[in-house]
C-alpha atoms as a PDB file:
ATOM      1  CA  MET A   1      87.986  39.781 -29.252  1.00  0.00           C
ATOM      2  CA  THR A   2      89.087  43.365 -29.794  1.00  0.00           C
ATOM      3  CA  THR A   3      91.964  44.706 -27.696  1.00  0.00           C
ATOM      4  CA  LEU A   4      92.953  48.365 -27.437  1.00  0.00           C
ATOM      5  CA  PHE A   5      96.700  48.988 -27.537  1.00  0.00           C
ATOM      6  CA  ILE A   6      98.096  52.347 -26.407  1.00  0.00           C
ATOM      7  CA  ASP A   7     101.534  53.430 -27.602  1.00  0.00           C
ATOM      8  CA  ALA A   8     102.134  55.324 -24.361  1.00  0.00           C
ATOM      9  CA  ASP A   9     105.465  56.915 -25.325  1.00  0.00           C
ATOM     10  CA  ALA A  10     104.568  60.634 -25.177  1.00  0.00           C
ATOM     11  CA  CYS A  11     100.833  59.902 -25.489  1.00  0.00           C
ATOM     12  CA  PRO A  12      98.695  62.829 -24.266  1.00  0.00           C
ATOM     13  CA  VAL A  13      95.405  60.862 -24.370  1.00  0.00           C
ATOM     14  CA  THR A  14      96.174  57.726 -22.347  1.00  0.00           C
ATOM     15  CA  ARG A  15      93.550  58.632 -19.736  1.00  0.00           C
ATOM     16  CA  GLU A  16      90.890  59.174 -22.427  1.00  0.00           C
ATOM     17  CA  ALA A  17      91.807  55.931 -24.218  1.00  0.00           C
ATOM     18  CA  LEU A  18      91.483  53.946 -20.987  1.00  0.00           C
ATOM     19  CA  ALA A  19      88.120  55.585 -20.278  1.00  0.00           C
ATOM     20  CA  GLU A  20      86.843  54.504 -23.708  1.00  0.00           C
ATOM     21  CA  ALA A  21      88.143  50.942 -23.190  1.00  0.00           C
ATOM     22  CA  ARG A  22      86.335  50.780 -19.842  1.00  0.00           C
ATOM     23  CA  ARG A  23      83.153  52.138 -21.446  1.00  0.00           C
ATOM     24  CA  ALA A  24      83.320  49.666 -24.361  1.00  0.00           C
ATOM     25  CA  GLY A  25      84.323  46.734 -22.151  1.00  0.00           C
ATOM     26  CA  VAL A  26      87.419  45.827 -24.175  1.00  0.00           C
ATOM     27  CA  PRO A  27      90.830  44.724 -22.885  1.00  0.00           C
ATOM     28  CA  CYS A  28      93.625  47.289 -23.006  1.00  0.00           C
ATOM     29  CA  VAL A  29      97.410  47.037 -23.219  1.00  0.00           C
ATOM     30  CA  ILE A  30      99.495  50.109 -22.381  1.00  0.00           C
ATOM     31  CA  ALA A  31     102.942  49.796 -23.984  1.00  0.00           C
ATOM     32  CA  GLY A  32     105.903  52.037 -23.266  1.00  0.00           C
ATOM     33  CA  ASN A  33     109.593  52.029 -22.569  1.00  0.00           C
ATOM     34  CA  ALA A  34     111.104  51.121 -19.223  1.00  0.00           C
ATOM     35  CA  THR A  35     111.672  54.758 -18.221  1.00  0.00           C
ATOM     36  CA  GLN A  36     107.928  55.308 -17.779  1.00  0.00           C
ATOM     37  CA  ASN A  37     105.707  54.475 -14.840  1.00  0.00           C
ATOM     38  CA  LEU A  38     102.902  52.959 -16.903  1.00  0.00           C
ATOM     39  CA  SER A  39     100.959  51.767 -13.869  1.00  0.00           C
ATOM     40  CA  ARG A  40     100.230  55.393 -12.922  1.00  0.00           C
ATOM     41  CA  HIS A  41      97.445  55.276 -15.519  1.00  0.00           C
ATOM     42  CA  LEU A  42      95.614  52.445 -13.754  1.00  0.00           C
ATOM     43  CA  ARG A  43      92.830  52.704 -11.215  1.00  0.00           C
ATOM     44  CA  ALA A  44      92.970  50.532  -8.115  1.00  0.00           C
ATOM     45  CA  SER A  45      89.710  48.925  -9.306  1.00  0.00           C
ATOM     46  CA  ASP A  46      91.027  48.044 -12.796  1.00  0.00           C
ATOM     47  CA  PRO A  47      91.280  44.273 -13.308  1.00  0.00           C
ATOM     48  CA  THR A  48      94.765  43.313 -14.483  1.00  0.00           C
ATOM     49  CA  THR A  49      94.243  39.673 -15.407  1.00  0.00           C
ATOM     50  CA  PRO A  50      92.559  38.493 -18.602  1.00  0.00           C
ATOM     51  CA  ARG A  51      88.820  37.938 -18.329  1.00  0.00           C
ATOM     52  CA  ASP A  52      85.700  38.796 -20.320  1.00  0.00           C
ATOM     53  CA  GLY A  53      85.255  42.529 -20.807  1.00  0.00           C
ATOM     54  CA  PHE A  54      87.625  45.261 -19.701  1.00  0.00           C
ATOM     55  CA  TRP A  55      90.978  44.490 -18.132  1.00  0.00           C
ATOM     56  CA  VAL A  56      94.286  46.287 -18.490  1.00  0.00           C
ATOM     57  CA  ARG A  57      97.915  45.220 -18.711  1.00  0.00           C
ATOM     58  CA  THR A  58     101.083  47.252 -18.903  1.00  0.00           C
ATOM     59  CA  LEU A  59     103.786  46.184 -21.344  1.00  0.00           C
ATOM     60  CA  GLN A  60     107.166  47.709 -20.510  1.00  0.00           C
ATOM     61  CA  VAL A  61     109.829  47.356 -23.172  1.00  0.00           C
ATOM     62  CA  GLY A  62     113.475  48.330 -23.518  1.00  0.00           C
ATOM     63  CA  ILE A  63     114.602  51.874 -24.173  1.00  0.00           C
ATOM     64  CA  GLY A  64     115.584  51.212 -27.804  1.00  0.00           C
ATOM     65  CA  ALA A  65     113.981  53.125 -30.642  1.00  0.00           C
ATOM     66  CA  ASP A  66     110.608  51.700 -31.659  1.00  0.00           C
ATOM     67  CA  SER A  67     110.701  48.970 -28.975  1.00  0.00           C
ATOM     68  CA  ALA A  68     107.100  49.655 -27.941  1.00  0.00           C
ATOM     69  CA  ASP A  69     106.016  49.735 -31.596  1.00  0.00           C
ATOM     70  CA  PHE A  70     107.429  46.290 -32.337  1.00  0.00           C
ATOM     71  CA  ALA A  71     106.045  44.845 -29.091  1.00  0.00           C
ATOM     72  CA  ILE A  72     102.563  46.086 -30.040  1.00  0.00           C
ATOM     73  CA  VAL A  73     102.767  44.723 -33.592  1.00  0.00           C
ATOM     74  CA  GLU A  74     103.915  41.344 -32.275  1.00  0.00           C
ATOM     75  CA  GLU A  75     100.738  40.969 -30.168  1.00  0.00           C
ATOM     76  CA  LEU A  76      98.323  42.588 -32.616  1.00  0.00           C
ATOM     77  CA  GLY A  77      95.266  40.849 -34.049  1.00  0.00           C
ATOM     78  CA  PRO A  78      93.066  41.944 -36.976  1.00  0.00           C
ATOM     79  CA  ASP A  79      90.198  43.178 -34.754  1.00  0.00           C
ATOM     80  CA  ASP A  80      92.454  45.325 -32.565  1.00  0.00           C
ATOM     81  CA  VAL A  81      92.753  49.108 -32.333  1.00  0.00           C
ATOM     82  CA  VAL A  82      96.002  50.996 -31.674  1.00  0.00           C
ATOM     83  CA  VAL A  83      96.381  54.534 -30.334  1.00  0.00           C
ATOM     84  CA  THR A  84      99.576  56.107 -31.680  1.00  0.00           C
ATOM     85  CA  GLN A  85     101.002  59.328 -33.007  1.00  0.00           C
ATOM     86  CA  ASP A  86     103.672  57.374 -34.885  1.00  0.00           C
ATOM     87  CA  ILE A  87     102.818  57.106 -38.602  1.00  0.00           C
ATOM     88  CA  GLY A  88     105.278  54.221 -39.016  1.00  0.00           C
ATOM     89  CA  LEU A  89     103.497  52.192 -36.336  1.00  0.00           C
ATOM     90  CA  ALA A  90     100.122  53.132 -37.841  1.00  0.00           C
ATOM     91  CA  SER A  91     101.341  51.776 -41.194  1.00  0.00           C
ATOM     92  CA  MET A  92     102.387  48.455 -39.635  1.00  0.00           C
ATOM     93  CA  VAL A  93      99.052  48.237 -37.791  1.00  0.00           C
ATOM     94  CA  LEU A  94      97.075  48.768 -41.000  1.00  0.00           C
ATOM     95  CA  GLY A  95      99.267  46.218 -42.750  1.00  0.00           C
ATOM     96  CA  ARG A  96      98.203  43.642 -40.139  1.00  0.00           C
ATOM     97  CA  GLY A  97      94.525  44.377 -40.810  1.00  0.00           C
ATOM     98  CA  ALA A  98      93.960  46.228 -37.532  1.00  0.00           C
ATOM     99  CA  ARG A  99      92.883  49.844 -36.997  1.00  0.00           C
ATOM    100  CA  ALA A 100      94.923  52.834 -35.846  1.00  0.00           C
ATOM    101  CA  ILE A 101      93.952  56.237 -34.485  1.00  0.00           C
ATOM    102  CA  GLY A 102      96.147  59.257 -33.819  1.00  0.00           C
ATOM    103  CA  VAL A 103      96.135  61.205 -30.577  1.00  0.00           C
ATOM    104  CA  ARG A 104      94.222  64.062 -32.232  1.00  0.00           C
ATOM    105  CA  GLY A 105      91.494  61.687 -33.388  1.00  0.00           C
ATOM    106  CA  HIS A 106      92.676  61.077 -36.947  1.00  0.00           C
ATOM    107  CA  VAL A 107      91.707  57.556 -37.999  1.00  0.00           C
ATOM    108  CA  TYR A 108      94.484  56.236 -40.211  1.00  0.00           C
ATOM    109  CA  SER A 109      93.369  54.751 -43.532  1.00  0.00           C
ATOM    110  CA  PRO A 110      95.013  52.238 -45.867  1.00  0.00           C
ATOM    111  CA  LEU A 111      94.083  54.632 -48.697  1.00  0.00           C
ATOM    112  CA  THR A 112      96.218  57.501 -47.368  1.00  0.00           C
ATOM    113  CA  ILE A 113      98.925  55.920 -45.199  1.00  0.00           C
ATOM    114  CA  ASP A 114     101.430  55.633 -48.065  1.00  0.00           C
ATOM    115  CA  SER A 115     101.234  59.357 -48.833  1.00  0.00           C
ATOM    116  CA  MET A 116     101.577  60.145 -45.114  1.00  0.00           C
ATOM    117  CA  MET A 117     104.687  57.957 -44.959  1.00  0.00           C
ATOM    118  CA  PHE A 118     106.100  59.703 -48.039  1.00  0.00           C
ATOM    119  CA  ILE A 119     105.559  63.150 -46.488  1.00  0.00           C
ATOM    120  CA  ARG A 120     107.203  61.989 -43.248  1.00  0.00           C
ATOM    121  CA  HIS A 121     110.193  60.719 -45.236  1.00  0.00           C
ATOM    122  CA  GLU A 122     110.541  63.961 -47.214  1.00  0.00           C
ATOM    123  CA  GLU A 123     110.332  66.103 -44.066  1.00  0.00           C
ATOM    124  CA  LYS A 124     112.997  63.948 -42.430  1.00  0.00           C
ATOM    125  CA  LYS A 125     115.297  64.518 -45.430  1.00  0.00           C
ATOM    126  CA  VAL A 126     114.804  68.282 -45.100  1.00  0.00           C
ATOM    127  CA  ARG A 127     115.669  68.169 -41.377  1.00  0.00           C
ATOM    128  CA  ARG A 128     118.750  66.006 -41.999  1.00  0.00           C
ATOM    129  CA  ALA A 129     119.962  68.582 -44.510  1.00  0.00           C
ATOM    130  CA  GLY A 130     119.682  71.284 -41.831  1.00  0.00           C
ATOM    131  CA  GLY A 131     116.297  72.630 -42.901  1.00  0.00           C
ATOM    132  CA  ARG A 132     113.248  73.218 -40.784  1.00  0.00           C
ATOM    133  CA  THR A 133     109.753  71.825 -41.026  1.00  0.00           C
ATOM    134  CA  ARG A 134     106.605  72.920 -39.238  1.00  0.00           C
ATOM    135  CA  GLY A 135     105.909  71.203 -35.968  1.00  0.00           C
ATOM    136  CA  PRO A 136     102.461  70.166 -34.845  1.00  0.00           C
ATOM    137  CA  ALA A 137      99.916  72.728 -33.693  1.00  0.00           C
ATOM    138  CA  ALA A 138      99.304  73.068 -29.963  1.00  0.00           C
ATOM    139  CA  PHE A 139      97.233  70.243 -28.519  1.00  0.00           C
ATOM    140  CA  GLU A 140      93.730  71.569 -27.828  1.00  0.00           C
ATOM    141  CA  ASP A 141      90.641  70.401 -25.932  1.00  0.00           C
ATOM    142  CA  GLU A 142      88.943  69.892 -29.318  1.00  0.00           C
ATOM    143  CA  ASP A 143      91.667  67.377 -30.221  1.00  0.00           C
ATOM    144  CA  ARG A 144      90.966  65.457 -27.021  1.00  0.00           C
ATOM    145  CA  GLU A 145      87.192  65.474 -27.697  1.00  0.00           C
ATOM    146  CA  ARG A 146      87.651  64.383 -31.337  1.00  0.00           C
ATOM    147  CA  PHE A 147      89.952  61.601 -30.190  1.00  0.00           C
ATOM    148  CA  SER A 148      87.455  60.257 -27.634  1.00  0.00           C
ATOM    149  CA  ALA A 149      84.528  60.383 -30.075  1.00  0.00           C
ATOM    150  CA  ASN A 150      86.446  58.663 -32.894  1.00  0.00           C
ATOM    151  CA  LEU A 151      87.944  56.020 -30.582  1.00  0.00           C
ATOM    152  CA  ARG A 152      84.472  55.274 -29.186  1.00  0.00           C
ATOM    153  CA  ARG A 153      83.235  54.746 -32.752  1.00  0.00           C
ATOM    154  CA  LEU A 154      86.205  52.524 -33.689  1.00  0.00           C
ATOM    155  CA  LEU A 155      85.800  50.340 -30.609  1.00  0.00           C
ATOM    156  CA  THR A 156      82.071  49.962 -31.225  1.00  0.00           C
ATOM    157  CA  GLU A 157      82.704  48.974 -34.865  1.00  0.00           C
ATOM    158  CA  ALA A 158      85.507  46.576 -33.900  1.00  0.00           C
ATOM    159  CA  LYS A 159      83.371  44.825 -31.285  1.00  0.00           C
ATOM    160  CA  ARG A 160      80.627  44.260 -33.861  1.00  0.00           C
ATOM    161  CA  GLY A 161      83.186  42.562 -36.098  1.00  0.00           C
END
C-alpha cells in the first residue's frame, strides 16, 4: 500500500499534501524535528491509527541535521511518495524505488537527480568560498496549484501499482 511521507521541516505545502492524501485515501506520515508542533496540521476527524484508507501519523525526530530525512528513508517502501524540497532526500527516495516531489510540484526523476545533486554540490562550494548563489524565487499560488495537481497524479499512479 502506498504511503505519503511529508518532510515537514520548512514545508510550505503540508496542508495541500494532507488534502491530497485524504482525497486519494492513502496513509500519511508527517516527519519533522522535535521543535515543531506537527499535530497542528491534523484535523480532529483525522484517524491516527493504521487502517484501510487514509490515516495520519506524526513522526518527531531529534534536532540533528537530516534526522527527518533518515527517519523517512528508514520507513520507506517502493510504492511510497515523499514530499520534500531536499534534493539529497529526493535522491535517497529514488534510490529506494519510491517517488519524490518537490514543494513547487517538480517530480524528481532518476534520469536527472544526479545532475541536480552535482549542481547543489557546486553551489555549496561557491558559498563555502564566500561567493553567492541565487536563492529560490518567491513561492507563488501557481507553485501550490502545480504541487497539488502533480501530487494527485503521483498518488493515483502509485495506488494503481
